[in-house]
Amino acid sequence: MLAVCVASGDDDDAPLLVRPAPICVPPLATRNDELSRIIDEYVQDAIAELDASGTGFADTDHAWVREHAAGSLAEIEKATLRLVALRASSNTTIAAARLGMAQVSLVRWLGRRCPSARVAP
């Protein structure tokens, strides 16, 4: 969300928005320089939230998030949280419990993004 604040006109010293100008923000998936840092930040948040400090997040996980979830910040957040839970757990049942979701939902989510993967319950 973008908010533009303008002085009320009563204060002559306050800057006024003279002419509105469009602000173009490139799609997240095209901002390669920022994407790695954004993913890393969400990974650290997920590790803290799930108390999974011993969990690693491999380069293959980063690549997976870029390929399957880089459409929005919300998708990146969801993917990193779920991948950290999967890495920190011995199976999808435990990972789903960590996330507070049904195991079948986690398996379906993963299956839609990686149909060739075989997921053990």
Protein backbone atom coordinates (compact mmCIF):
# COMPACT_ATOMS: atom_id res chain seq x y z
CA MET A 1 0.00 0.00 0.00
CA LEU A 2 1.24 3.48 -0.81
CA ALA A 3 0.17 6.46 1.26
CA VAL A 4 0.81 10.03 0.16
CA CYS A 5 0.54 12.71 2.81
CA VAL A 6 -0.18 16.32 1.90
CA ALA A 7 -0.22 19.37 4.15
CA SER A 8 -3.64 20.86 4.82
CA GLY A 9 -2.73 24.23 3.35
CA ASP A 10 -2.86 26.05 6.70
CA ASP A 11 0.87 25.59 7.21
CA ASP A 12 2.83 27.57 4.61
CA ASP A 13 6.12 25.90 5.60
CA ALA A 14 4.89 22.38 4.92
CA PRO A 15 5.76 20.90 1.52
CA LEU A 16 2.84 20.32 -0.79
CA LEU A 17 2.42 17.65 -3.42
CA VAL A 18 2.57 19.81 -6.51
CA ARG A 19 1.86 17.20 -9.12
CA PRO A 20 0.99 13.55 -8.62
CA ALA A 21 3.44 11.16 -10.22
CA PRO A 22 3.06 7.44 -10.83
CA ILE A 23 5.29 5.14 -8.84
CA CYS A 24 6.18 1.96 -10.70
CA VAL A 25 7.33 -0.96 -8.61
CA PRO A 26 8.67 -3.84 -10.69
CA PRO A 27 7.24 -7.31 -10.05
CA LEU A 28 8.91 -9.11 -7.18
CA ALA A 29 10.04 -12.01 -9.36
CA THR A 30 12.11 -9.63 -11.51
CA ARG A 31 13.96 -8.06 -8.57
CA ASN A 32 16.69 -10.70 -8.35
CA ASP A 33 19.04 -8.57 -6.26
CA GLU A 34 16.43 -8.18 -3.54
CA LEU A 35 14.79 -11.59 -3.75
CA SER A 36 17.55 -13.55 -2.00
CA ARG A 37 17.60 -11.10 0.90
CA ILE A 38 13.81 -11.14 1.17
CA ILE A 39 13.76 -14.95 1.24
CA ASP A 40 16.54 -14.98 3.86
CA GLU A 41 14.55 -12.61 6.08
CA TYR A 42 11.44 -14.77 5.85
CA VAL A 43 13.54 -17.87 6.59
CA GLN A 44 14.90 -16.26 9.77
CA ASP A 45 11.36 -15.27 10.80
CA ALA A 46 10.12 -18.82 10.17
CA ILE A 47 12.98 -20.38 12.14
CA ALA A 48 12.23 -18.07 15.07
CA GLU A 49 8.46 -18.61 14.88
CA LEU A 50 8.78 -22.40 14.75
CA ASP A 51 11.66 -22.51 17.26
CA ALA A 52 13.69 -24.43 14.69
CA SER A 53 17.12 -22.91 15.32
CA GLY A 54 19.03 -26.02 14.21
CA THR A 55 17.26 -26.07 10.87
CA GLY A 56 19.15 -25.21 7.72
CA PHE A 57 17.75 -23.73 4.54
CA ALA A 58 19.73 -25.05 1.59
CA ASP A 59 20.42 -23.40 -1.74
CA THR A 60 17.95 -25.85 -3.27
CA ASP A 61 15.29 -24.50 -0.89
CA HIS A 62 16.05 -20.94 -2.01
CA ALA A 63 15.79 -22.03 -5.64
CA TRP A 64 12.50 -23.81 -4.91
CA VAL A 65 11.01 -20.68 -3.31
CA ARG A 66 12.16 -18.58 -6.27
CA GLU A 67 10.57 -20.98 -8.74
CA HIS A 68 7.34 -21.79 -6.92
CA ALA A 69 6.55 -18.88 -4.60
CA ALA A 70 8.19 -15.65 -5.74
CA GLY A 71 4.95 -14.11 -6.98
CA SER A 72 4.27 -12.16 -3.79
CA LEU A 73 5.59 -11.56 -0.31
CA ALA A 74 2.70 -13.56 1.13
CA GLU A 75 3.61 -16.56 -1.05
CA ILE A 76 7.27 -16.31 -0.03
CA GLU A 77 6.29 -16.14 3.63
CA LYS A 78 4.02 -19.18 3.35
CA ALA A 79 6.57 -21.22 1.40
CA THR A 80 9.49 -20.46 3.69
CA LEU A 81 7.44 -21.19 6.80
CA ARG A 82 6.29 -24.51 5.41
CA LEU A 83 9.73 -25.51 4.13
CA VAL A 84 11.34 -24.70 7.48
CA ALA A 85 8.67 -26.79 9.22
CA LEU A 86 9.32 -29.67 6.81
CA ARG A 87 13.10 -29.43 7.31
CA ALA A 88 12.73 -29.29 11.10
CA SER A 89 10.38 -32.27 11.25
CA SER A 90 10.86 -35.95 10.57
CA ASN A 91 7.64 -36.20 8.55
CA THR A 92 4.73 -34.17 7.19
CA THR A 93 2.47 -35.03 10.13
CA ILE A 94 4.87 -33.38 12.57
CA ALA A 95 5.50 -30.47 10.19
CA ALA A 96 1.76 -29.86 9.81
CA ALA A 97 1.32 -29.96 13.59
CA ARG A 98 4.08 -27.33 13.97
CA LEU A 99 2.19 -25.17 11.49
CA GLY A 100 -1.20 -25.76 13.08
CA MET A 101 -2.65 -27.18 9.90
CA ALA A 102 -3.97 -30.52 8.69
CA GLN A 103 -1.34 -32.89 7.34
CA VAL A 104 -3.38 -33.52 4.20
CA SER A 105 -3.40 -29.77 3.46
CA LEU A 106 0.39 -29.58 3.72
CA VAL A 107 0.82 -32.62 1.46
CA ARG A 108 -1.60 -31.18 -1.11
CA TRP A 109 0.13 -27.79 -1.02
CA LEU A 110 3.49 -29.44 -1.62
CA GLY A 111 2.07 -31.78 -4.28
CA ARG A 112 0.65 -28.88 -6.28
CA ARG A 113 4.05 -27.23 -6.37
CA CYS A 114 6.16 -30.31 -6.88
CA PRO A 115 4.02 -33.08 -8.40
CA SER A 116 6.97 -35.44 -8.87
CA ALA A 117 7.86 -35.42 -5.17
CA ARG A 118 6.80 -38.37 -3.09
CA VAL A 119 5.79 -37.17 0.33
CA ALA A 120 5.72 -39.55 3.27
CA PRO A 121 2.99 -38.90 5.83
